[in-house]
Protein backbone atom coordinates (compact mmCIF):
# COMPACT_ATOMS: atom_id res chain seq x y z
CA MET A 1 3.49 -42.14 -17.21
CA SER A 2 2.64 -44.93 -14.53
CA ARG A 3 -1.06 -45.97 -13.64
CA PRO A 4 -0.88 -43.51 -10.43
CA ALA A 5 0.60 -40.52 -12.24
CA ARG A 6 -2.44 -40.59 -15.04
CA ARG A 7 -5.43 -41.02 -12.60
CA LEU A 8 -3.52 -37.88 -10.71
CA ALA A 9 -3.97 -36.12 -14.20
CA ALA A 10 -7.23 -37.02 -15.02
CA ALA A 11 -8.95 -35.96 -11.83
CA ALA A 12 -7.15 -32.67 -11.96
CA ALA A 13 -8.14 -31.95 -15.47
CA ALA A 14 -12.05 -33.23 -14.46
CA LEU A 15 -11.46 -30.46 -11.64
CA VAL A 16 -10.58 -27.97 -14.02
CA ALA A 17 -13.32 -28.80 -16.76
CA LEU A 18 -15.99 -28.74 -13.46
CA LEU A 19 -14.81 -25.26 -12.05
CA LEU A 20 -14.87 -24.06 -15.87
CA LEU A 21 -17.99 -25.20 -16.16
CA ALA A 22 -19.83 -23.59 -12.79
CA GLU A 23 -22.50 -21.59 -12.85
CA PRO A 24 -21.44 -18.31 -11.67
CA VAL A 25 -23.97 -15.94 -8.93
CA ALA A 26 -26.06 -13.37 -10.98
CA ALA A 27 -24.21 -10.00 -10.67
CA GLN A 28 -26.50 -7.28 -9.31
CA SER A 29 -24.68 -4.30 -10.69
CA ALA A 30 -22.41 -3.40 -13.00
CA ASN A 31 -19.59 -2.38 -10.80
CA ARG A 32 -19.81 -6.30 -9.44
CA ASP A 33 -20.05 -7.54 -13.08
CA LEU A 34 -16.64 -5.94 -14.08
CA PHE A 35 -14.98 -7.49 -10.87
CA ASP A 36 -16.71 -10.70 -11.68
CA GLY A 37 -15.42 -11.07 -14.95
CA LEU A 38 -11.99 -10.10 -14.39
CA ASN A 39 -11.88 -13.08 -11.87
CA ARG A 40 -13.67 -15.58 -14.71
CA GLN A 41 -10.83 -14.34 -16.97
CA LEU A 42 -8.09 -14.95 -14.92
CA LEU A 43 -9.45 -18.13 -13.09
CA TYR A 44 -9.35 -19.53 -16.94
CA VAL A 45 -5.70 -18.92 -17.09
CA ALA A 46 -4.84 -19.71 -13.48
CA LEU A 47 -6.58 -23.27 -13.33
CA PRO A 48 -4.89 -24.78 -16.59
CA LEU A 49 -1.30 -23.38 -15.46
CA THR A 50 -1.92 -24.53 -12.07
CA ALA A 51 -2.88 -28.35 -13.02
CA PHE A 52 -0.47 -28.04 -15.86
CA VAL A 53 2.75 -27.61 -13.40
CA GLU A 54 1.05 -30.50 -10.99
CA ILE A 55 1.02 -32.46 -13.68
CA ILE A 56 4.48 -32.17 -14.52
CA LEU A 57 5.48 -32.02 -10.75
CA VAL A 58 3.47 -35.69 -10.23
CA TYR A 59 5.09 -36.91 -13.18
CA ALA A 60 8.81 -36.06 -12.69
CA VAL A 61 8.35 -37.44 -8.55
CA VAL A 62 6.86 -40.96 -9.53
CA ARG A 63 8.82 -41.30 -13.29
CA PHE A 64 12.37 -40.62 -11.38
CA ARG A 65 12.03 -41.65 -8.02
CA ASN A 66 14.14 -44.52 -7.82
CA ASN A 67 16.44 -42.89 -10.42
CA ASP A 68 20.06 -43.53 -8.34
CA ASP A 69 22.11 -41.11 -10.43
CA PRO A 70 20.14 -37.34 -11.29
CA LYS A 71 21.62 -35.56 -13.47
CA PRO A 72 21.61 -31.76 -13.85
CA THR A 73 19.06 -30.75 -16.68
CA SER A 74 21.20 -30.30 -20.12
CA SER A 75 20.74 -26.87 -21.62
CA ASP A 76 18.02 -26.33 -24.33
CA PRO A 77 17.49 -22.87 -25.37
CA ALA A 78 14.17 -23.40 -27.33
CA LEU A 79 12.32 -24.83 -24.18
CA GLU A 80 14.01 -21.72 -22.25
CA ILE A 81 12.61 -19.15 -25.13
CA THR A 82 9.48 -21.36 -25.10
CA TRP A 83 8.50 -20.70 -21.85
CA THR A 84 9.82 -17.19 -21.50
CA ALA A 85 7.62 -16.05 -24.42
CA ALA A 86 4.42 -17.87 -22.75
CA THR A 87 5.17 -16.30 -19.32
CA ALA A 88 5.02 -12.71 -21.28
CA VAL A 89 2.00 -13.39 -23.36
CA ILE A 90 0.25 -14.27 -19.97
CA LEU A 91 1.65 -11.65 -18.15
CA LEU A 92 0.27 -9.33 -20.89
CA PHE A 93 -3.22 -10.82 -20.97
CA VAL A 94 -3.56 -10.05 -17.40
CA PHE A 95 -2.25 -6.30 -17.99
CA VAL A 96 -4.95 -5.96 -20.40
CA ALA A 97 -7.62 -7.72 -18.68
CA ALA A 98 -7.08 -5.69 -14.92
CA PHE A 99 -6.79 -2.23 -17.25
CA THR A 100 -9.81 -2.90 -19.01
CA VAL A 101 -11.55 -3.13 -15.20
CA LEU A 102 -9.89 -0.10 -14.18
CA ALA A 103 -10.36 1.99 -17.22
CA SER A 104 -13.81 1.50 -16.77
CA PRO A 105 -16.53 4.67 -15.69
CA TYR A 106 -17.69 2.73 -12.79
CA MET A 107 -14.05 1.58 -10.92
CA SER A 108 -11.95 4.68 -12.01
CA ALA A 109 -11.33 8.61 -12.63
CA THR A 110 -9.23 7.26 -15.71
CA GLY A 111 -12.65 6.69 -17.57
CA THR A 112 -14.95 9.11 -18.95
CA ALA A 113 -15.21 12.60 -17.75
CA ALA A 114 -18.54 11.68 -16.28
CA ALA A 115 -17.44 8.75 -14.39
CA GLN A 116 -15.95 11.41 -11.30
CA PRO A 117 -18.05 14.57 -11.88
CA THR A 118 -16.79 17.37 -9.79
CA THR A 119 -20.16 19.13 -9.75
CA ALA A 120 -23.47 17.86 -10.50
CA GLY A 121 -23.75 19.11 -13.68
CA GLU A 122 -21.43 16.82 -15.05
CA MET A 123 -23.79 14.05 -14.55
CA PRO A 124 -26.26 12.32 -17.43
CA ASP A 125 -29.55 14.05 -17.58
CA ASP A 126 -31.42 10.79 -16.33
CA ALA A 127 -28.97 10.11 -13.65
CA VAL A 128 -29.86 10.41 -9.74
CA GLU A 129 -27.53 11.57 -7.06
CA ILE A 130 -27.57 10.71 -4.15
CA ARG A 131 -25.35 12.09 -0.90
CA VAL A 132 -23.96 10.07 1.54
CA LEU A 133 -22.44 11.67 4.54
CA GLY A 134 -20.21 9.28 6.67
CA TYR A 135 -19.50 10.08 10.45
CA GLN A 136 -18.71 8.54 13.96
CA TYR A 137 -20.48 6.38 13.82
CA GLY A 138 -23.38 5.55 10.56
CA TRP A 139 -24.39 7.29 7.74
CA GLU A 140 -26.23 9.72 6.71
CA VAL A 141 -27.77 9.46 3.20
CA ARG A 142 -29.59 12.66 1.40
CA TYR A 143 -31.83 12.72 -1.38
CA PRO A 144 -31.19 15.80 -3.36
CA GLY A 145 -34.32 17.70 -4.63
CA ALA A 146 -36.49 15.32 -2.29
CA ASN A 147 -35.74 17.24 0.82
CA LEU A 148 -35.59 13.47 2.37
CA THR A 149 -33.02 12.03 4.89
CA THR A 150 -32.53 8.33 6.04
CA GLN A 151 -29.78 6.92 8.60
CA GLY A 152 -27.99 4.03 7.75
CA GLU A 153 -30.50 2.90 4.74
CA LEU A 154 -29.16 3.70 0.91
CA VAL A 155 -31.47 3.42 -1.04
CA VAL A 156 -31.35 3.59 -5.10
CA PRO A 157 -33.52 2.90 -8.02
CA THR A 158 -32.40 -0.39 -10.81
CA ASP A 159 -31.13 0.11 -13.84
CA ARG A 160 -30.45 3.72 -13.41
CA GLU A 161 -27.08 5.59 -13.59
CA VAL A 162 -26.59 6.34 -9.96
CA TYR A 163 -23.59 8.56 -8.30
CA LEU A 164 -22.90 8.53 -4.93
CA ASN A 165 -21.71 11.92 -3.81
CA MET A 166 -19.71 11.13 -0.78
CA SER A 167 -18.11 12.70 2.08
CA SER A 168 -17.23 12.83 5.84
CA ALA A 169 -18.11 14.81 8.52
CA ASP A 170 -14.88 13.91 10.76
CA VAL A 171 -12.51 10.99 10.01
CA ILE A 172 -11.58 8.52 7.20
CA HIS A 173 -14.64 6.22 6.61
CA SER A 174 -15.10 3.45 4.16
CA LEU A 175 -18.20 2.62 2.37
CA PHE A 176 -18.24 -1.21 1.31
CA VAL A 177 -21.56 -2.87 -0.37
CA PRO A 178 -19.92 -6.38 -1.29
CA ARG A 179 -22.82 -7.43 -3.70
CA TRP A 180 -22.79 -4.06 -5.39
CA GLY A 181 -19.04 -4.18 -5.76
CA ILE A 182 -18.90 -0.39 -4.39
CA LYS A 183 -15.85 0.33 -2.04
CA GLN A 184 -15.09 3.83 -1.42
CA ASP A 185 -13.02 5.52 0.93
CA VAL A 186 -14.30 8.58 2.89
CA PHE A 187 -12.44 11.90 3.44
CA PRO A 188 -13.44 14.94 5.66
CA THR A 189 -11.69 17.31 3.31
CA ARG A 190 -12.72 16.44 -0.15
CA ARG A 191 -15.48 14.64 -2.55
CA ALA A 192 -15.71 11.36 -3.67
CA TYR A 193 -17.64 9.98 -6.32
CA VAL A 194 -19.22 6.34 -6.54
CA ARG A 195 -20.95 5.73 -10.16
CA THR A 196 -22.83 2.48 -9.62
CA ASN A 197 -25.92 0.75 -12.16
CA VAL A 198 -28.04 -1.98 -9.59
CA THR A 199 -29.50 -4.84 -11.82
CA ALA A 200 -31.42 -6.68 -9.35
CA ALA A 201 -33.69 -5.31 -7.09
CA GLY A 202 -33.04 -6.49 -3.30
CA THR A 203 -31.57 -5.24 0.30
CA VAL A 204 -27.56 -6.36 1.04
CA ARG A 205 -25.69 -5.01 3.76
CA LEU A 206 -23.10 -2.21 3.68
CA TYR A 207 -20.34 -1.49 6.18
CA CYS A 208 -17.33 0.74 6.69
CA THR A 209 -14.20 -0.91 6.53
CA GLU A 210 -11.69 1.70 7.63
CA LEU A 211 -11.28 1.51 11.39
CA CYS A 212 -12.43 5.21 12.55
CA GLY A 213 -13.10 4.53 15.97
CA VAL A 214 -14.30 2.72 18.92
CA GLY A 215 -17.74 2.30 17.72
CA HIS A 216 -16.42 1.01 13.80
CA SER A 217 -18.25 -2.06 14.06
CA ARG A 218 -21.13 -0.55 14.49
CA MET A 219 -20.96 1.36 11.33
CA THR A 220 -23.37 -0.84 9.43
CA GLY A 221 -26.64 -0.44 7.57
CA ASN A 222 -28.52 -1.71 4.52
CA ALA A 223 -28.48 -0.99 0.90
CA THR A 224 -31.78 -1.28 -0.80
CA ALA A 225 -32.75 -1.63 -4.81
CA VAL A 226 -36.15 -1.02 -6.05
CA ALA A 227 -37.97 -0.36 -8.93
CA PRO A 228 -37.95 3.29 -10.74
CA GLU A 229 -41.13 4.04 -10.09
CA ARG A 230 -41.30 2.61 -6.80
CA TYR A 231 -38.39 4.74 -5.58
CA ALA A 232 -40.14 7.67 -7.44
CA ALA A 233 -43.69 7.43 -5.05
CA TRP A 234 -41.51 6.65 -2.24
CA LEU A 235 -39.37 10.57 -2.80
CA ALA A 236 -42.95 11.98 -2.90
CA ALA A 237 -44.62 10.07 -0.22
CA ASN A 238 -41.29 11.42 2.24
CA GLU A 239 -40.89 14.96 0.96
CA ASP A 240 -41.98 16.95 3.61
CA GLY A 241 -38.47 16.34 4.59
CA ARG A 242 -38.62 14.43 8.00
CA ASN A 243 -35.87 11.83 8.80
CA VAL A 244 -37.42 8.65 7.18
CA ARG A 245 -37.04 5.26 8.76
CA ASP A 246 -39.50 2.76 6.82
CA VAL A 247 -37.71 2.68 3.39
CA PRO A 248 -39.55 0.78 0.03
CA THR A 249 -38.83 -3.12 0.67
CA ALA A 250 -37.78 -4.66 -3.05
CA ASN A 251 -39.63 -7.00 -5.44
CA ALA A 252 -37.09 -9.43 -4.96
CA THR A 253 -36.45 -11.65 -1.78
CA SER A 254 -33.57 -9.69 0.54
CA THR A 255 -30.23 -11.11 0.42
CA ASN A 256 -28.42 -9.63 3.59
CA ALA A 257 -24.61 -10.11 2.07
CA THR A 258 -21.66 -10.57 3.86
CA ALA A 259 -19.06 -10.96 1.56
């Protein structure tokens, strides 16, 4: 291998090592942790493969650039079997990694029965149910048992199982909280459940990601996670049933997430 090719190979290897050793951003919920974990697993496979292919490509270009009489590659059954088997192993790994995430109760109804309950009775006893209603063009959030409603503000306790009982008043909407790894279409004719467990206090942005009319771009809001005791105190302080605009501030520094 020539000197330029060796330098390029070294640079590619250093880049791969740097990316693999980079400190990932801490996930803020069980849902986001599943997504991030899957991305890291696929990255650990994709980066070495990319570097390997590019190194071979550069080597072939440099090594044979002055070949005036190129010959077709000779038949090599062992090599063909090897790369076919290697491809099958990689695809099997991707399938298993993705299926593990999709089968989680935080991601899909294919997990435990409590992942998508049809009644509140199917939820764990210590779980928190919050009802979210999408409408043109906003989000109404109700907290059963507290006679409390917020507009465009979703408040949840940290380190607790939370079920979002979701529906729509008119057309299809889609609740998207990027930092929490939550994205769920909301339909006017049936209910949808999202299960989450937020692990970091703070305030992030939520959006509607289903085009629902001329006011779609205004259908945003905040999602706030606070310590369980602060959440309980907030509910108790607003049990008179009025529409509440002041939501509790999180212990952690607020983060306005856009992705």
